[in-house]
């Protein structure tokens, strides 16, 4: 009898979990999620910097400066990601409403342009700061490593968001 009850509980659990996932997270849950995300990001970026410091043969002060640039840039990048997410939501809502005026779309497009300009300014600022720490060869190696790192992170996040069993076979784990 206990086995039957356990089986029934396990059969119902996925429904309960999926129903719970549809309810919006509380402020405390969002804060806990963000704290965990930030902690994991720090670990992952730390490992990236470890490898980068070794590959670029960075001195301790150079490594510290690179970490500082990445940390400061990370804060600004998170702000841009939030703004980008908010803008995408506004765009999605505007396109779903057939009564949305062209003036609203023009405003959204202007916001998109402004956001892209801010991203470019951040990139330029980061490169100026890196130029104070790294020589040109190291900067090229850094850009290559950082781009690969970002691609890997996007792929990992994308795979993590897919339903199980639908993994892209071109990128086995």
C-alpha atoms as a PDB file:
ATOM      1  CA  UNK A   1       0.000   0.000   0.000  1.00  0.00           C
ATOM      2  CA  UNK A   2       2.842   2.417   0.828  1.00  0.00           C
ATOM      3  CA  UNK A   3       4.335   1.747  -2.603  1.00  0.00           C
ATOM      4  CA  UNK A   4       1.036   2.668  -4.294  1.00  0.00           C
ATOM      5  CA  UNK A   5       0.783   5.917  -2.278  1.00  0.00           C
ATOM      6  CA  UNK A   6       4.378   6.784  -3.104  1.00  0.00           C
ATOM      7  CA  UNK A   7       3.728   6.101  -6.798  1.00  0.00           C
ATOM      8  CA  UNK A   8       0.596   8.296  -6.748  1.00  0.00           C
ATOM      9  CA  UNK A   9       2.478  11.080  -4.970  1.00  0.00           C
ATOM     10  CA  UNK A  10       5.253  10.938  -7.554  1.00  0.00           C
ATOM     11  CA  UNK A  11       2.725  11.024 -10.398  1.00  0.00           C
ATOM     12  CA  UNK A  12       1.020  14.113  -8.946  1.00  0.00           C
ATOM     13  CA  UNK A  13       4.250  15.921  -8.015  1.00  0.00           C
ATOM     14  CA  UNK A  14       5.159  17.104 -11.535  1.00  0.00           C
ATOM     15  CA  UNK A  15       1.718  18.707 -11.862  1.00  0.00           C
ATOM     16  CA  UNK A  16       2.165  20.450  -8.516  1.00  0.00           C
ATOM     17  CA  UNK A  17       5.647  21.627  -9.445  1.00  0.00           C
ATOM     18  CA  UNK A  18       4.555  22.941 -12.831  1.00  0.00           C
ATOM     19  CA  UNK A  19       1.607  24.717 -11.222  1.00  0.00           C
ATOM     20  CA  UNK A  20       3.981  26.299  -8.716  1.00  0.00           C
ATOM     21  CA  UNK A  21       6.269  27.451 -11.518  1.00  0.00           C
ATOM     22  CA  UNK A  22       3.434  29.451 -13.077  1.00  0.00           C
ATOM     23  CA  UNK A  23       2.962  31.603  -9.991  1.00  0.00           C
ATOM     24  CA  UNK A  24       5.138  34.692 -10.033  1.00  0.00           C
ATOM     25  CA  UNK A  25       8.100  34.538  -7.682  1.00  0.00           C
ATOM     26  CA  UNK A  26       8.007  36.620  -4.532  1.00  0.00           C
ATOM     27  CA  UNK A  27      10.474  39.435  -3.968  1.00  0.00           C
ATOM     28  CA  UNK A  28      12.401  37.193  -1.572  1.00  0.00           C
ATOM     29  CA  UNK A  29      12.549  34.394  -4.158  1.00  0.00           C
ATOM     30  CA  UNK A  30      13.762  36.828  -6.820  1.00  0.00           C
ATOM     31  CA  UNK A  31      16.400  38.196  -4.438  1.00  0.00           C
ATOM     32  CA  UNK A  32      17.555  34.672  -3.565  1.00  0.00           C
ATOM     33  CA  UNK A  33      17.690  33.742  -7.258  1.00  0.00           C
ATOM     34  CA  UNK A  34      19.696  36.874  -8.092  1.00  0.00           C
ATOM     35  CA  UNK A  35      22.099  36.260  -5.194  1.00  0.00           C
ATOM     36  CA  UNK A  36      22.657  32.674  -6.348  1.00  0.00           C
ATOM     37  CA  UNK A  37      23.087  33.799  -9.956  1.00  0.00           C
ATOM     38  CA  UNK A  38      25.595  36.459  -8.902  1.00  0.00           C
ATOM     39  CA  UNK A  39      27.506  33.943  -6.790  1.00  0.00           C
ATOM     40  CA  UNK A  40      27.665  31.433  -9.641  1.00  0.00           C
ATOM     41  CA  UNK A  41      28.653  34.162 -12.072  1.00  0.00           C
ATOM     42  CA  UNK A  42      31.502  35.198  -9.762  1.00  0.00           C
ATOM     43  CA  UNK A  43      32.771  31.613  -9.618  1.00  0.00           C
ATOM     44  CA  UNK A  44      32.547  31.128 -13.392  1.00  0.00           C
ATOM     45  CA  UNK A  45      34.149  34.477 -14.198  1.00  0.00           C
ATOM     46  CA  UNK A  46      36.825  33.763 -11.568  1.00  0.00           C
ATOM     47  CA  UNK A  47      37.721  30.533 -13.336  1.00  0.00           C
ATOM     48  CA  UNK A  48      37.781  32.377 -16.650  1.00  0.00           C
ATOM     49  CA  UNK A  49      40.160  34.971 -15.175  1.00  0.00           C
ATOM     50  CA  UNK A  50      42.346  32.212 -13.712  1.00  0.00           C
ATOM     51  CA  UNK A  51      42.755  30.677 -17.168  1.00  0.00           C
ATOM     52  CA  UNK A  52      43.152  34.074 -18.801  1.00  0.00           C
ATOM     53  CA  UNK A  53      45.846  35.156 -16.318  1.00  0.00           C
ATOM     54  CA  UNK A  54      47.741  31.952 -16.971  1.00  0.00           C
ATOM     55  CA  UNK A  55      47.387  32.112 -20.776  1.00  0.00           C
ATOM     56  CA  UNK A  56      48.293  35.813 -20.978  1.00  0.00           C
ATOM     57  CA  UNK A  57      51.018  35.486 -18.328  1.00  0.00           C
ATOM     58  CA  UNK A  58      49.537  38.341 -16.304  1.00  0.00           C
ATOM     59  CA  UNK A  59      51.325  39.653 -13.250  1.00  0.00           C
ATOM     60  CA  UNK A  60      49.356  39.878 -10.005  1.00  0.00           C
ATOM     61  CA  UNK A  61      48.704  43.630 -10.436  1.00  0.00           C
ATOM     62  CA  UNK A  62      47.632  43.125 -14.072  1.00  0.00           C
ATOM     63  CA  UNK A  63      45.268  40.357 -13.042  1.00  0.00           C
ATOM     64  CA  UNK A  64      43.783  42.571 -10.337  1.00  0.00           C
ATOM     65  CA  UNK A  65      43.223  45.353 -12.866  1.00  0.00           C
ATOM     66  CA  UNK A  66      41.584  42.968 -15.361  1.00  0.00           C
ATOM     67  CA  UNK A  67      39.307  41.655 -12.600  1.00  0.00           C
ATOM     68  CA  UNK A  68      38.397  45.217 -11.644  1.00  0.00           C
ATOM     69  CA  UNK A  69      37.531  46.126 -15.250  1.00  0.00           C
ATOM     70  CA  UNK A  70      35.418  42.966 -15.627  1.00  0.00           C
ATOM     71  CA  UNK A  71      33.624  43.540 -12.307  1.00  0.00           C
ATOM     72  CA  UNK A  72      32.772  47.162 -13.100  1.00  0.00           C
ATOM     73  CA  UNK A  73      31.746  46.240 -16.620  1.00  0.00           C
ATOM     74  CA  UNK A  74      29.625  43.393 -15.260  1.00  0.00           C
ATOM     75  CA  UNK A  75      27.557  45.803 -13.190  1.00  0.00           C
ATOM     76  CA  UNK A  76      26.977  48.014 -16.221  1.00  0.00           C
ATOM     77  CA  UNK A  77      26.242  44.961 -18.411  1.00  0.00           C
ATOM     78  CA  UNK A  78      23.586  43.766 -15.942  1.00  0.00           C
ATOM     79  CA  UNK A  79      21.954  47.201 -16.098  1.00  0.00           C
ATOM     80  CA  UNK A  80      21.926  47.000 -19.898  1.00  0.00           C
ATOM     81  CA  UNK A  81      20.492  43.473 -19.795  1.00  0.00           C
ATOM     82  CA  UNK A  82      17.653  44.633 -17.560  1.00  0.00           C
ATOM     83  CA  UNK A  83      16.957  47.589 -19.852  1.00  0.00           C
ATOM     84  CA  UNK A  84      17.070  45.305 -22.890  1.00  0.00           C
ATOM     85  CA  UNK A  85      14.685  42.818 -21.298  1.00  0.00           C
ATOM     86  CA  UNK A  86      12.285  45.596 -20.355  1.00  0.00           C
ATOM     87  CA  UNK A  87      12.411  47.009 -23.878  1.00  0.00           C
ATOM     88  CA  UNK A  88      11.738  43.587 -25.430  1.00  0.00           C
ATOM     89  CA  UNK A  89       8.690  43.246 -23.179  1.00  0.00           C
ATOM     90  CA  UNK A  90       7.421  46.668 -24.264  1.00  0.00           C
ATOM     91  CA  UNK A  91       8.008  45.745 -27.918  1.00  0.00           C
ATOM     92  CA  UNK A  92       6.213  42.430 -27.528  1.00  0.00           C
ATOM     93  CA  UNK A  93       3.244  44.115 -25.844  1.00  0.00           C
ATOM     94  CA  UNK A  94       3.096  46.830 -28.500  1.00  0.00           C
ATOM     95  CA  UNK A  95       3.105  44.348 -31.374  1.00  0.00           C
ATOM     96  CA  UNK A  96       0.347  42.281 -29.754  1.00  0.00           C
ATOM     97  CA  UNK A  97      -1.956  45.298 -29.588  1.00  0.00           C
ATOM     98  CA  UNK A  98      -3.313  46.088 -33.036  1.00  0.00           C
ATOM     99  CA  UNK A  99      -4.241  49.600 -31.849  1.00  0.00           C
ATOM    100  CA  UNK A 100      -0.641  50.573 -31.103  1.00  0.00           C
ATOM    101  CA  UNK A 101       0.181  53.771 -32.976  1.00  0.00           C
ATOM    102  CA  UNK A 102       3.202  54.134 -35.240  1.00  0.00           C
ATOM    103  CA  UNK A 103       4.494  56.866 -32.907  1.00  0.00           C
ATOM    104  CA  UNK A 104       4.822  54.258 -30.149  1.00  0.00           C
ATOM    105  CA  UNK A 105       6.774  51.975 -32.470  1.00  0.00           C
ATOM    106  CA  UNK A 106       9.035  54.886 -33.443  1.00  0.00           C
ATOM    107  CA  UNK A 107       9.702  55.541 -29.747  1.00  0.00           C
ATOM    108  CA  UNK A 108      10.511  51.874 -29.189  1.00  0.00           C
ATOM    109  CA  UNK A 109      12.901  51.881 -32.153  1.00  0.00           C
ATOM    110  CA  UNK A 110      14.599  55.006 -30.792  1.00  0.00           C
ATOM    111  CA  UNK A 111      14.957  53.289 -27.405  1.00  0.00           C
ATOM    112  CA  UNK A 112      16.506  50.291 -29.168  1.00  0.00           C
ATOM    113  CA  UNK A 113      19.016  52.531 -30.953  1.00  0.00           C
ATOM    114  CA  UNK A 114      19.878  54.292 -27.684  1.00  0.00           C
ATOM    115  CA  UNK A 115      20.376  50.945 -25.970  1.00  0.00           C
ATOM    116  CA  UNK A 116      22.705  49.730 -28.737  1.00  0.00           C
ATOM    117  CA  UNK A 117      24.660  52.991 -28.444  1.00  0.00           C
ATOM    118  CA  UNK A 118      25.024  52.447 -24.690  1.00  0.00           C
ATOM    119  CA  UNK A 119      26.273  48.901 -25.355  1.00  0.00           C
ATOM    120  CA  UNK A 120      28.826  50.213 -27.839  1.00  0.00           C
ATOM    121  CA  UNK A 121      29.954  52.911 -25.383  1.00  0.00           C
ATOM    122  CA  UNK A 122      30.410  50.246 -22.709  1.00  0.00           C
ATOM    123  CA  UNK A 123      32.467  48.127 -25.115  1.00  0.00           C
ATOM    124  CA  UNK A 124      34.628  51.133 -26.031  1.00  0.00           C
ATOM    125  CA  UNK A 125      35.114  52.080 -22.392  1.00  0.00           C
ATOM    126  CA  UNK A 126      36.069  48.506 -21.472  1.00  0.00           C
ATOM    127  CA  UNK A 127      38.578  48.417 -24.319  1.00  0.00           C
ATOM    128  CA  UNK A 128      40.125  51.713 -23.229  1.00  0.00           C
ATOM    129  CA  UNK A 129      40.489  50.369 -19.697  1.00  0.00           C
ATOM    130  CA  UNK A 130      41.954  47.071 -20.933  1.00  0.00           C
ATOM    131  CA  UNK A 131      44.424  48.999 -23.106  1.00  0.00           C
ATOM    132  CA  UNK A 132      45.836  50.504 -19.900  1.00  0.00           C
ATOM    133  CA  UNK A 133      46.550  47.000 -18.574  1.00  0.00           C
ATOM    134  CA  UNK A 134      47.173  44.722 -21.566  1.00  0.00           C
ATOM    135  CA  UNK A 135      49.455  45.043 -24.566  1.00  0.00           C
ATOM    136  CA  UNK A 136      47.836  44.785 -28.045  1.00  0.00           C
ATOM    137  CA  UNK A 137      48.569  41.041 -28.402  1.00  0.00           C
ATOM    138  CA  UNK A 138      47.087  40.345 -24.966  1.00  0.00           C
ATOM    139  CA  UNK A 139      44.034  42.436 -25.811  1.00  0.00           C
ATOM    140  CA  UNK A 140      43.396  40.430 -28.984  1.00  0.00           C
ATOM    141  CA  UNK A 141      43.786  37.196 -27.017  1.00  0.00           C
ATOM    142  CA  UNK A 142      41.482  38.569 -24.326  1.00  0.00           C
ATOM    143  CA  UNK A 143      38.802  39.556 -26.869  1.00  0.00           C
ATOM    144  CA  UNK A 144      38.979  36.120 -28.469  1.00  0.00           C
ATOM    145  CA  UNK A 145      38.782  34.341 -25.100  1.00  0.00           C
ATOM    146  CA  UNK A 146      35.990  36.618 -23.850  1.00  0.00           C
ATOM    147  CA  UNK A 147      33.944  36.098 -27.029  1.00  0.00           C
ATOM    148  CA  UNK A 148      34.314  32.325 -26.757  1.00  0.00           C
ATOM    149  CA  UNK A 149      33.406  32.495 -23.078  1.00  0.00           C
ATOM    150  CA  UNK A 150      30.259  34.527 -23.848  1.00  0.00           C
ATOM    151  CA  UNK A 151      29.274  32.103 -26.638  1.00  0.00           C
ATOM    152  CA  UNK A 152      29.715  29.167 -24.261  1.00  0.00           C
ATOM    153  CA  UNK A 153      27.606  30.873 -21.588  1.00  0.00           C
ATOM    154  CA  UNK A 154      24.807  31.624 -24.059  1.00  0.00           C
ATOM    155  CA  UNK A 155      24.855  28.019 -25.261  1.00  0.00           C
ATOM    156  CA  UNK A 156      24.775  26.649 -21.721  1.00  0.00           C
ATOM    157  CA  UNK A 157      21.915  28.922 -20.722  1.00  0.00           C
ATOM    158  CA  UNK A 158      20.031  28.064 -23.902  1.00  0.00           C
ATOM    159  CA  UNK A 159      20.476  24.329 -23.356  1.00  0.00           C
ATOM    160  CA  UNK A 160      19.405  24.693 -19.746  1.00  0.00           C
ATOM    161  CA  UNK A 161      16.151  26.311 -20.828  1.00  0.00           C
ATOM    162  CA  UNK A 162      15.206  23.575 -23.308  1.00  0.00           C
ATOM    163  CA  UNK A 163      12.960  20.727 -22.241  1.00  0.00           C
ATOM    164  CA  UNK A 164      14.990  17.621 -21.436  1.00  0.00           C
ATOM    165  CA  UNK A 165      15.701  15.435 -24.410  1.00  0.00           C
ATOM    166  CA  UNK A 166      15.765  18.324 -26.894  1.00  0.00           C
ATOM    167  CA  UNK A 167      19.465  19.077 -26.604  1.00  0.00           C
ATOM    168  CA  UNK A 168      21.259  20.331 -29.714  1.00  0.00           C
ATOM    169  CA  UNK A 169      23.416  17.408 -30.823  1.00  0.00           C
ATOM    170  CA  UNK A 170      25.882  19.731 -32.556  1.00  0.00           C
ATOM    171  CA  UNK A 171      27.111  20.783 -29.095  1.00  0.00           C
ATOM    172  CA  UNK A 172      27.317  17.657 -26.961  1.00  0.00           C
ATOM    173  CA  UNK A 173      28.062  18.191 -23.298  1.00  0.00           C
END
